[in-house]
Amino acid sequence: MDRRAHHRLRASLAAICALVALSGCASREQRLAEARDLTLAYFANEVERIEGGWSVVFGYLYRRFGVVAQVADGRTLHDAREGVVPPEIFRVFRRLVDPDARVSVHEIAGLGSPIDRISASAIHCRDVPLPENWVDVLYQATRKGAYALTHAVAAAQWTLENGCRDEMQLVALHAEQVRALEVLLADRGALATRHRAADDIWIEALAMLYYADAADRVKPAWLDTLIGLQRGDGGFGAHPRAHESDPHASALALWVVLEALEPDAPRVSWIPHTDSR
């Protein structure tokens, strides 16, 4: 049996195990550890293209959990700088892995998606001042739900990590964001279980609940659902009807698994800073 077939078999067995009641074949911690290993194997065996939309997660996972992930050609993900696509997006989000990365206000304004502009504004707010109504902007995105919500949660945390707003200014927003994430997770979690497939936005919301320092609101059943939805190649799908695993969904799933496995890991800033800044 070749290595990829072996990993697929292990992932299938892990998924079967997760479907058995908790009295079944392994503890949740054992299943989480298996899910971590299989997801890392998915990136090492199946993923060849490094994309800025998900690769920037790995710098945070490396600094918080010490995890070293790589893609099929051996490139490590936590320090990926070259060959990341698309370059126009990575140029803006590179700041999440490179303390020296800078962009202009015009580059942020040139991003095609309002969600990306909000994210980039928070990431670079030390160098490009935020608008006076920034908290209102985050409220509006939060109330739109889906990816606007999850990106608003990340943007709020990046705003704090950069020191661009005082924490007291974001207390009420934080509470609203946590409630909104819980609603999204409850609603879409039932669909994920019913369709036997992960949903990228559901996994992202779960990761953001951890990032918003609300780990106590994560339901064990959500973790069981996530483990049970791991695919035969070790990855996770972006949509119930997707035929292939998706690196973005898989990177976020790995994040969730690591948070659940290592709840006492020291908190670190996702945005790396040099001593001079």
C-alpha atoms as a PDB file:
ATOM      1  CA  MET A   1       0.000   0.000   0.000  1.00  0.00           C
ATOM      2  CA  ASP A   2       1.475   3.387  -0.993  1.00  0.00           C
ATOM      3  CA  ARG A   3       1.737   6.269   1.465  1.00  0.00           C
ATOM      4  CA  ARG A   4      -1.250   8.215   0.173  1.00  0.00           C
ATOM      5  CA  ALA A   5      -3.497   5.166   0.250  1.00  0.00           C
ATOM      6  CA  HIS A   6      -2.326   4.458   3.792  1.00  0.00           C
ATOM      7  CA  HIS A   7      -3.238   7.986   4.917  1.00  0.00           C
ATOM      8  CA  ARG A   8      -6.636   7.716   3.262  1.00  0.00           C
ATOM      9  CA  LEU A   9      -7.305   4.444   5.059  1.00  0.00           C
ATOM     10  CA  ARG A  10      -6.321   5.991   8.400  1.00  0.00           C
ATOM     11  CA  ALA A  11      -8.570   8.988   7.777  1.00  0.00           C
ATOM     12  CA  SER A  12     -11.496   6.727   6.873  1.00  0.00           C
ATOM     13  CA  LEU A  13     -11.028   4.704  10.037  1.00  0.00           C
ATOM     14  CA  ALA A  14     -10.831   7.909  12.087  1.00  0.00           C
ATOM     15  CA  ALA A  15     -14.077   9.135  10.557  1.00  0.00           C
ATOM     16  CA  ILE A  16     -15.805   5.833  11.309  1.00  0.00           C
ATOM     17  CA  CYS A  17     -14.516   6.016  14.858  1.00  0.00           C
ATOM     18  CA  ALA A  18     -15.896   9.535  15.273  1.00  0.00           C
ATOM     19  CA  LEU A  19     -19.345   8.380  14.218  1.00  0.00           C
ATOM     20  CA  VAL A  20     -19.438   5.778  16.933  1.00  0.00           C
ATOM     21  CA  ALA A  21     -20.843   7.088  20.225  1.00  0.00           C
ATOM     22  CA  LEU A  22     -18.333   8.397  22.738  1.00  0.00           C
ATOM     23  CA  SER A  23     -18.223   4.918  24.246  1.00  0.00           C
ATOM     24  CA  GLY A  24     -16.713   3.771  20.959  1.00  0.00           C
ATOM     25  CA  CYS A  25     -13.209   3.174  19.727  1.00  0.00           C
ATOM     26  CA  ALA A  26     -11.197   6.125  21.016  1.00  0.00           C
ATOM     27  CA  SER A  27     -11.335   9.128  23.295  1.00  0.00           C
ATOM     28  CA  ARG A  28     -11.954  12.577  21.853  1.00  0.00           C
ATOM     29  CA  GLU A  29      -8.362  13.539  22.596  1.00  0.00           C
ATOM     30  CA  GLN A  30      -7.061  10.513  20.688  1.00  0.00           C
ATOM     31  CA  ARG A  31      -9.323  11.301  17.751  1.00  0.00           C
ATOM     32  CA  LEU A  32      -8.202  14.931  17.751  1.00  0.00           C
ATOM     33  CA  ALA A  33      -4.554  13.852  17.700  1.00  0.00           C
ATOM     34  CA  GLU A  34      -5.289  11.522  14.797  1.00  0.00           C
ATOM     35  CA  ALA A  35      -7.111  14.312  12.964  1.00  0.00           C
ATOM     36  CA  ARG A  36      -4.113  16.617  13.457  1.00  0.00           C
ATOM     37  CA  ASP A  37      -1.691  14.065  12.016  1.00  0.00           C
ATOM     38  CA  LEU A  38      -3.927  13.262   9.066  1.00  0.00           C
ATOM     39  CA  THR A  39      -4.453  16.917   8.201  1.00  0.00           C
ATOM     40  CA  LEU A  40      -0.720  17.566   8.251  1.00  0.00           C
ATOM     41  CA  ALA A  41      -0.299  14.518   6.001  1.00  0.00           C
ATOM     42  CA  TYR A  42      -2.911  15.935   3.625  1.00  0.00           C
ATOM     43  CA  PHE A  43      -0.847  19.098   3.133  1.00  0.00           C
ATOM     44  CA  ALA A  44       2.409  17.151   2.815  1.00  0.00           C
ATOM     45  CA  ASN A  45       1.008  14.686   0.274  1.00  0.00           C
ATOM     46  CA  GLU A  46      -1.795  16.388  -1.613  1.00  0.00           C
ATOM     47  CA  VAL A  47      -1.229  20.161  -1.690  1.00  0.00           C
ATOM     48  CA  GLU A  48       1.200  21.648  -4.200  1.00  0.00           C
ATOM     49  CA  ARG A  49       0.046  25.264  -4.583  1.00  0.00           C
ATOM     50  CA  ILE A  50       0.546  27.725  -1.689  1.00  0.00           C
ATOM     51  CA  GLU A  51      -2.177  30.365  -1.569  1.00  0.00           C
ATOM     52  CA  GLY A  52      -2.143  33.540   0.487  1.00  0.00           C
ATOM     53  CA  GLY A  53      -5.752  33.086   1.574  1.00  0.00           C
ATOM     54  CA  TRP A  54      -4.859  30.176   3.852  1.00  0.00           C
ATOM     55  CA  SER A  55      -1.074  29.885   4.100  1.00  0.00           C
ATOM     56  CA  VAL A  56      -0.884  32.885   6.465  1.00  0.00           C
ATOM     57  CA  VAL A  57      -2.674  30.781   9.093  1.00  0.00           C
ATOM     58  CA  PHE A  58       0.401  28.594   9.461  1.00  0.00           C
ATOM     59  CA  GLY A  59       2.679  31.323  10.793  1.00  0.00           C
ATOM     60  CA  TYR A  60       0.263  31.716  13.701  1.00  0.00           C
ATOM     61  CA  LEU A  61      -0.032  27.957  14.234  1.00  0.00           C
ATOM     62  CA  TYR A  62       3.746  27.630  14.242  1.00  0.00           C
ATOM     63  CA  ARG A  63       4.285  30.364  16.822  1.00  0.00           C
ATOM     64  CA  ARG A  64       1.360  29.287  19.026  1.00  0.00           C
ATOM     65  CA  PHE A  65       1.596  25.497  18.815  1.00  0.00           C
ATOM     66  CA  GLY A  66       5.031  24.835  17.318  1.00  0.00           C
ATOM     67  CA  VAL A  67       3.497  23.007  14.356  1.00  0.00           C
ATOM     68  CA  VAL A  68       5.633  22.710  11.227  1.00  0.00           C
ATOM     69  CA  ALA A  69       3.573  21.968   8.127  1.00  0.00           C
ATOM     70  CA  GLN A  70       4.760  21.544   4.567  1.00  0.00           C
ATOM     71  CA  VAL A  71       3.345  21.009   1.109  1.00  0.00           C
ATOM     72  CA  ALA A  72       4.140  18.239  -1.345  1.00  0.00           C
ATOM     73  CA  ASP A  73       7.334  19.807  -2.721  1.00  0.00           C
ATOM     74  CA  GLY A  74       8.783  20.160   0.785  1.00  0.00           C
ATOM     75  CA  ARG A  75       8.260  23.914   1.254  1.00  0.00           C
ATOM     76  CA  THR A  76       7.330  24.812   4.819  1.00  0.00           C
ATOM     77  CA  LEU A  77       4.215  26.890   5.255  1.00  0.00           C
ATOM     78  CA  HIS A  78       4.919  29.010   8.322  1.00  0.00           C
ATOM     79  CA  ASP A  79       7.723  30.901   6.567  1.00  0.00           C
ATOM     80  CA  ALA A  80       6.421  30.821   2.982  1.00  0.00           C
ATOM     81  CA  ARG A  81       7.324  34.097   1.270  1.00  0.00           C
ATOM     82  CA  GLU A  82       7.980  33.271  -2.373  1.00  0.00           C
ATOM     83  CA  GLY A  83       5.702  31.596  -4.877  1.00  0.00           C
ATOM     84  CA  VAL A  84       2.551  32.372  -2.878  1.00  0.00           C
ATOM     85  CA  VAL A  85      -0.447  33.100  -5.105  1.00  0.00           C
ATOM     86  CA  PRO A  86      -2.196  35.245  -6.057  1.00  0.00           C
ATOM     87  CA  PRO A  87       0.624  37.766  -5.514  1.00  0.00           C
ATOM     88  CA  GLU A  88      -1.629  40.837  -5.334  1.00  0.00           C
ATOM     89  CA  ILE A  89      -3.537  39.323  -2.412  1.00  0.00           C
ATOM     90  CA  PHE A  90      -0.487  37.943  -0.634  1.00  0.00           C
ATOM     91  CA  ARG A  91       1.252  41.320  -0.911  1.00  0.00           C
ATOM     92  CA  VAL A  92      -1.443  42.752   1.372  1.00  0.00           C
ATOM     93  CA  PHE A  93      -1.815  39.788   3.750  1.00  0.00           C
ATOM     94  CA  ARG A  94       1.905  39.046   3.970  1.00  0.00           C
ATOM     95  CA  ARG A  95       2.007  41.207   7.094  1.00  0.00           C
ATOM     96  CA  LEU A  96       0.511  38.234   8.987  1.00  0.00           C
ATOM     97  CA  VAL A  97       3.789  36.345   8.527  1.00  0.00           C
ATOM     98  CA  ASP A  98       6.328  39.117   7.826  1.00  0.00           C
ATOM     99  CA  PRO A  99       6.901  41.928  10.359  1.00  0.00           C
ATOM    100  CA  ASP A 100       8.536  44.080   7.681  1.00  0.00           C
ATOM    101  CA  ALA A 101       5.708  43.922   5.131  1.00  0.00           C
ATOM    102  CA  ARG A 102       4.129  47.273   4.276  1.00  0.00           C
ATOM    103  CA  VAL A 103       1.371  48.421   1.948  1.00  0.00           C
ATOM    104  CA  SER A 104      -0.110  51.767   0.981  1.00  0.00           C
ATOM    105  CA  VAL A 105      -3.629  53.036   1.472  1.00  0.00           C
ATOM    106  CA  HIS A 106      -4.057  52.778  -2.300  1.00  0.00           C
ATOM    107  CA  GLU A 107      -3.215  49.058  -2.301  1.00  0.00           C
ATOM    108  CA  ILE A 108      -5.817  48.433   0.386  1.00  0.00           C
ATOM    109  CA  ALA A 109      -8.411  50.490  -1.473  1.00  0.00           C
ATOM    110  CA  GLY A 110      -7.644  48.532  -4.640  1.00  0.00           C
ATOM    111  CA  LEU A 111      -8.734  45.196  -3.183  1.00  0.00           C
ATOM    112  CA  GLY A 112     -11.843  43.950  -4.927  1.00  0.00           C
ATOM    113  CA  SER A 113     -13.706  42.617  -1.890  1.00  0.00           C
ATOM    114  CA  PRO A 114     -15.060  44.786   0.964  1.00  0.00           C
ATOM    115  CA  ILE A 115     -14.220  41.933   3.330  1.00  0.00           C
ATOM    116  CA  ASP A 116     -10.601  41.950   2.162  1.00  0.00           C
ATOM    117  CA  ARG A 117     -10.433  45.737   2.556  1.00  0.00           C
ATOM    118  CA  ILE A 118     -11.672  45.485   6.150  1.00  0.00           C
ATOM    119  CA  SER A 119      -9.174  42.725   6.918  1.00  0.00           C
ATOM    120  CA  ALA A 120      -6.266  44.581   5.299  1.00  0.00           C
ATOM    121  CA  SER A 121      -7.161  47.820   7.078  1.00  0.00           C
ATOM    122  CA  ALA A 122      -6.949  46.067  10.457  1.00  0.00           C
ATOM    123  CA  ILE A 123      -3.726  44.244   9.605  1.00  0.00           C
ATOM    124  CA  HIS A 124      -1.959  47.449   8.537  1.00  0.00           C
ATOM    125  CA  CYS A 125      -3.573  49.938  10.908  1.00  0.00           C
ATOM    126  CA  ARG A 126      -0.230  50.843  12.493  1.00  0.00           C
ATOM    127  CA  ASP A 127       0.889  52.310   9.196  1.00  0.00           C
ATOM    128  CA  VAL A 128      -2.418  53.232   7.535  1.00  0.00           C
ATOM    129  CA  PRO A 129      -4.753  54.981  10.013  1.00  0.00           C
ATOM    130  CA  LEU A 130      -8.237  53.556  10.443  1.00  0.00           C
ATOM    131  CA  PRO A 131     -11.334  55.659   9.768  1.00  0.00           C
ATOM    132  CA  GLU A 132     -12.982  57.325  12.751  1.00  0.00           C
ATOM    133  CA  ASN A 133     -16.068  55.110  12.365  1.00  0.00           C
ATOM    134  CA  TRP A 134     -14.006  51.898  12.401  1.00  0.00           C
ATOM    135  CA  VAL A 135     -15.979  50.236  15.200  1.00  0.00           C
ATOM    136  CA  ASP A 136     -19.204  50.933  13.318  1.00  0.00           C
ATOM    137  CA  VAL A 137     -17.667  49.364  10.201  1.00  0.00           C
ATOM    138  CA  LEU A 138     -16.950  46.210  12.212  1.00  0.00           C
ATOM    139  CA  TYR A 139     -20.483  46.196  13.638  1.00  0.00           C
ATOM    140  CA  GLN A 140     -21.984  46.405  10.148  1.00  0.00           C
ATOM    141  CA  ALA A 141     -19.834  43.526   8.882  1.00  0.00           C
ATOM    142  CA  THR A 142     -20.662  41.449  11.957  1.00  0.00           C
ATOM    143  CA  ARG A 143     -24.390  41.819  11.372  1.00  0.00           C
ATOM    144  CA  LYS A 144     -24.104  40.695   7.746  1.00  0.00           C
ATOM    145  CA  GLY A 145     -23.121  37.228   8.949  1.00  0.00           C
ATOM    146  CA  ALA A 146     -21.259  34.495   7.046  1.00  0.00           C
ATOM    147  CA  TYR A 147     -17.763  35.497   5.880  1.00  0.00           C
ATOM    148  CA  ALA A 148     -18.355  39.167   6.689  1.00  0.00           C
ATOM    149  CA  LEU A 149     -18.864  38.083  10.300  1.00  0.00           C
ATOM    150  CA  THR A 150     -15.826  35.821  10.549  1.00  0.00           C
ATOM    151  CA  HIS A 151     -13.563  38.404   8.919  1.00  0.00           C
ATOM    152  CA  ALA A 152     -14.934  41.110  11.202  1.00  0.00           C
ATOM    153  CA  VAL A 153     -14.014  38.930  14.180  1.00  0.00           C
ATOM    154  CA  ALA A 154     -10.468  38.558  12.890  1.00  0.00           C
ATOM    155  CA  ALA A 155     -10.285  42.276  12.090  1.00  0.00           C
ATOM    156  CA  ALA A 156     -11.343  43.177  15.627  1.00  0.00           C
ATOM    157  CA  GLN A 157      -8.587  40.988  17.064  1.00  0.00           C
ATOM    158  CA  TRP A 158      -5.993  42.412  14.653  1.00  0.00           C
ATOM    159  CA  THR A 159      -7.071  45.924  15.631  1.00  0.00           C
ATOM    160  CA  LEU A 160      -6.341  45.071  19.262  1.00  0.00           C
ATOM    161  CA  GLU A 161      -3.065  43.296  18.487  1.00  0.00           C
ATOM    162  CA  ASN A 162      -1.876  46.378  16.625  1.00  0.00           C
ATOM    163  CA  GLY A 163      -2.998  48.679  19.429  1.00  0.00           C
ATOM    164  CA  CYS A 164      -5.121  50.739  17.031  1.00  0.00           C
ATOM    165  CA  ARG A 165      -8.142  50.806  19.345  1.00  0.00           C
ATOM    166  CA  ASP A 166      -8.512  50.407  23.086  1.00  0.00           C
ATOM    167  CA  GLU A 167     -10.011  47.111  24.254  1.00  0.00           C
ATOM    168  CA  MET A 168     -12.814  48.922  26.073  1.00  0.00           C
ATOM    169  CA  GLN A 169     -14.019  50.315  22.748  1.00  0.00           C
ATOM    170  CA  LEU A 170     -14.572  46.790  21.469  1.00  0.00           C
ATOM    171  CA  VAL A 171     -16.138  45.065  24.501  1.00  0.00           C
ATOM    172  CA  ALA A 172     -19.741  45.315  23.277  1.00  0.00           C
ATOM    173  CA  LEU A 173     -18.694  44.383  19.738  1.00  0.00           C
ATOM    174  CA  HIS A 174     -16.858  41.317  21.027  1.00  0.00           C
ATOM    175  CA  ALA A 175     -19.963  40.090  22.863  1.00  0.00           C
ATOM    176  CA  GLU A 176     -22.101  40.528  19.749  1.00  0.00           C
ATOM    177  CA  GLN A 177     -19.552  38.735  17.590  1.00  0.00           C
ATOM    178  CA  VAL A 178     -19.384  35.744  19.927  1.00  0.00           C
ATOM    179  CA  ARG A 179     -23.184  35.447  19.963  1.00  0.00           C
ATOM    180  CA  ALA A 180     -23.316  35.668  16.183  1.00  0.00           C
ATOM    181  CA  LEU A 181     -20.662  32.969  15.806  1.00  0.00           C
ATOM    182  CA  GLU A 182     -22.602  30.666  18.122  1.00  0.00           C
ATOM    183  CA  VAL A 183     -25.776  31.114  16.088  1.00  0.00           C
ATOM    184  CA  LEU A 184     -23.937  30.443  12.831  1.00  0.00           C
ATOM    185  CA  LEU A 185     -22.288  27.335  14.256  1.00  0.00           C
ATOM    186  CA  ALA A 186     -25.543  25.942  15.624  1.00  0.00           C
ATOM    187  CA  ASP A 187     -27.451  26.521  12.384  1.00  0.00           C
ATOM    188  CA  ARG A 188     -24.834  25.268   9.937  1.00  0.00           C
ATOM    189  CA  GLY A 189     -23.534  22.508  12.211  1.00  0.00           C
ATOM    190  CA  ALA A 190     -26.797  20.633  11.858  1.00  0.00           C
ATOM    191  CA  LEU A 191     -26.475  20.834   8.070  1.00  0.00           C
ATOM    192  CA  ALA A 192     -22.869  19.635   8.183  1.00  0.00           C
ATOM    193  CA  THR A 193     -23.865  16.579  10.186  1.00  0.00           C
ATOM    194  CA  ARG A 194     -26.847  15.821   7.976  1.00  0.00           C
ATOM    195  CA  HIS A 195     -24.900  16.067   4.717  1.00  0.00           C
ATOM    196  CA  ARG A 196     -21.777  14.306   6.053  1.00  0.00           C
ATOM    197  CA  ALA A 197     -19.556  17.070   4.717  1.00  0.00           C
ATOM    198  CA  ALA A 198     -17.790  20.036   6.214  1.00  0.00           C
ATOM    199  CA  ASP A 199     -18.674  23.584   5.264  1.00  0.00           C
ATOM    200  CA  ASP A 200     -15.840  26.106   5.024  1.00  0.00           C
ATOM    201  CA  ILE A 201     -17.724  28.938   6.714  1.00  0.00           C
ATOM    202  CA  TRP A 202     -18.708  26.642   9.594  1.00  0.00           C
ATOM    203  CA  ILE A 203     -15.093  25.613  10.169  1.00  0.00           C
ATOM    204  CA  GLU A 204     -13.964  29.239   9.904  1.00  0.00           C
ATOM    205  CA  ALA A 205     -16.544  30.316  12.479  1.00  0.00           C
ATOM    206  CA  LEU A 206     -15.289  27.619  14.846  1.00  0.00           C
ATOM    207  CA  ALA A 207     -11.707  28.838  14.447  1.00  0.00           C
ATOM    208  CA  MET A 208     -12.787  32.445  15.019  1.00  0.00           C
ATOM    209  CA  LEU A 209     -14.570  31.488  18.228  1.00  0.00           C
ATOM    210  CA  TYR A 210     -11.209  30.312  19.524  1.00  0.00           C
ATOM    211  CA  TYR A 211      -9.401  33.367  18.141  1.00  0.00           C
ATOM    212  CA  ALA A 212     -11.911  35.634  19.886  1.00  0.00           C
ATOM    213  CA  ASP A 213     -10.820  34.006  23.167  1.00  0.00           C
ATOM    214  CA  ALA A 214     -14.194  32.295  23.583  1.00  0.00           C
ATOM    215  CA  ALA A 215     -13.020  28.689  23.786  1.00  0.00           C
ATOM    216  CA  ASP A 216     -15.470  28.090  26.629  1.00  0.00           C
ATOM    217  CA  ARG A 217     -18.317  28.554  24.136  1.00  0.00           C
ATOM    218  CA  VAL A 218     -17.143  25.733  21.862  1.00  0.00           C
ATOM    219  CA  LYS A 219     -19.460  22.753  22.215  1.00  0.00           C
ATOM    220  CA  PRO A 220     -17.825  19.289  22.370  1.00  0.00           C
ATOM    221  CA  ALA A 221     -20.402  18.102  19.836  1.00  0.00           C
ATOM    222  CA  TRP A 222     -19.000  20.582  17.297  1.00  0.00           C
ATOM    223  CA  LEU A 223     -15.555  19.038  17.705  1.00  0.00           C
ATOM    224  CA  ASP A 224     -17.010  15.558  17.249  1.00  0.00           C
ATOM    225  CA  THR A 225     -18.779  16.731  14.110  1.00  0.00           C
ATOM    226  CA  LEU A 226     -15.565  18.221  12.733  1.00  0.00           C
ATOM    227  CA  ILE A 227     -13.558  15.048  13.325  1.00  0.00           C
ATOM    228  CA  GLY A 228     -16.248  12.933  11.726  1.00  0.00           C
ATOM    229  CA  LEU A 229     -16.178  15.049   8.572  1.00  0.00           C
ATOM    230  CA  GLN A 230     -12.505  14.518   7.806  1.00  0.00           C
ATOM    231  CA  ARG A 231     -12.072  13.035   4.333  1.00  0.00           C
ATOM    232  CA  GLY A 232     -10.182  10.007   3.148  1.00  0.00           C
ATOM    233  CA  ASP A 233      -7.150  12.056   2.076  1.00  0.00           C
ATOM    234  CA  GLY A 234      -6.927  13.735   5.487  1.00  0.00           C
ATOM    235  CA  GLY A 235      -8.391  17.054   4.325  1.00  0.00           C
ATOM    236  CA  PHE A 236     -11.760  18.771   4.670  1.00  0.00           C
ATOM    237  CA  GLY A 237     -14.190  19.928   2.001  1.00  0.00           C
ATOM    238  CA  ALA A 238     -15.236  23.531   1.466  1.00  0.00           C
ATOM    239  CA  HIS A 239     -18.797  22.583   0.536  1.00  0.00           C
ATOM    240  CA  PRO A 240     -21.067  19.557   1.047  1.00  0.00           C
ATOM    241  CA  ARG A 241     -21.045  18.829  -2.692  1.00  0.00           C
ATOM    242  CA  ALA A 242     -17.294  19.379  -3.184  1.00  0.00           C
ATOM    243  CA  HIS A 243     -15.518  16.368  -4.657  1.00  0.00           C
ATOM    244  CA  GLU A 244     -12.045  17.334  -3.432  1.00  0.00           C
ATOM    245  CA  SER A 245     -10.633  18.488  -0.122  1.00  0.00           C
ATOM    246  CA  ASP A 246      -9.877  22.185   0.189  1.00  0.00           C
ATOM    247  CA  PRO A 247      -6.658  23.635   1.683  1.00  0.00           C
ATOM    248  CA  HIS A 248      -8.461  26.650   3.157  1.00  0.00           C
ATOM    249  CA  ALA A 249     -11.028  24.558   5.014  1.00  0.00           C
ATOM    250  CA  SER A 250      -8.306  22.082   6.007  1.00  0.00           C
ATOM    251  CA  ALA A 251      -6.004  24.791   7.423  1.00  0.00           C
ATOM    252  CA  LEU A 252      -8.834  26.152   9.541  1.00  0.00           C
ATOM    253  CA  ALA A 253      -9.811  22.652  10.677  1.00  0.00           C
ATOM    254  CA  LEU A 254      -6.217  22.041  11.759  1.00  0.00           C
ATOM    255  CA  TRP A 255      -6.346  25.274  13.750  1.00  0.00           C
ATOM    256  CA  VAL A 256      -9.505  24.124  15.562  1.00  0.00           C
ATOM    257  CA  VAL A 257      -8.033  20.693  16.289  1.00  0.00           C
ATOM    258  CA  LEU A 258      -4.861  22.230  17.742  1.00  0.00           C
ATOM    259  CA  GLU A 259      -6.868  24.592  19.937  1.00  0.00           C
ATOM    260  CA  ALA A 260      -8.876  21.679  21.310  1.00  0.00           C
ATOM    261  CA  LEU A 261      -5.760  19.538  21.846  1.00  0.00           C
ATOM    262  CA  GLU A 262      -3.667  22.256  23.495  1.00  0.00           C
ATOM    263  CA  PRO A 263      -6.016  24.596  25.379  1.00  0.00           C
ATOM    264  CA  ASP A 264      -3.169  25.819  27.601  1.00  0.00           C
ATOM    265  CA  ALA A 265      -0.881  26.886  24.757  1.00  0.00           C
ATOM    266  CA  PRO A 266       0.303  30.454  25.420  1.00  0.00           C
ATOM    267  CA  ARG A 267      -1.556  33.187  23.605  1.00  0.00           C
ATOM    268  CA  VAL A 268       0.428  34.914  20.881  1.00  0.00           C
ATOM    269  CA  SER A 269      -0.323  37.715  18.465  1.00  0.00           C
ATOM    270  CA  TRP A 270      -1.211  36.521  14.969  1.00  0.00           C
ATOM    271  CA  ILE A 271       0.467  39.673  13.658  1.00  0.00           C
ATOM    272  CA  PRO A 272       4.198  39.312  14.312  1.00  0.00           C
ATOM    273  CA  HIS A 273       6.005  42.424  15.516  1.00  0.00           C
ATOM    274  CA  THR A 274       9.686  43.266  15.608  1.00  0.00           C
ATOM    275  CA  ASP A 275      11.171  44.711  18.793  1.00  0.00           C
ATOM    276  CA  SER A 276      11.487  48.094  17.115  1.00  0.00           C
ATOM    277  CA  ARG A 277       7.753  48.460  16.435  1.00  0.00           C
END
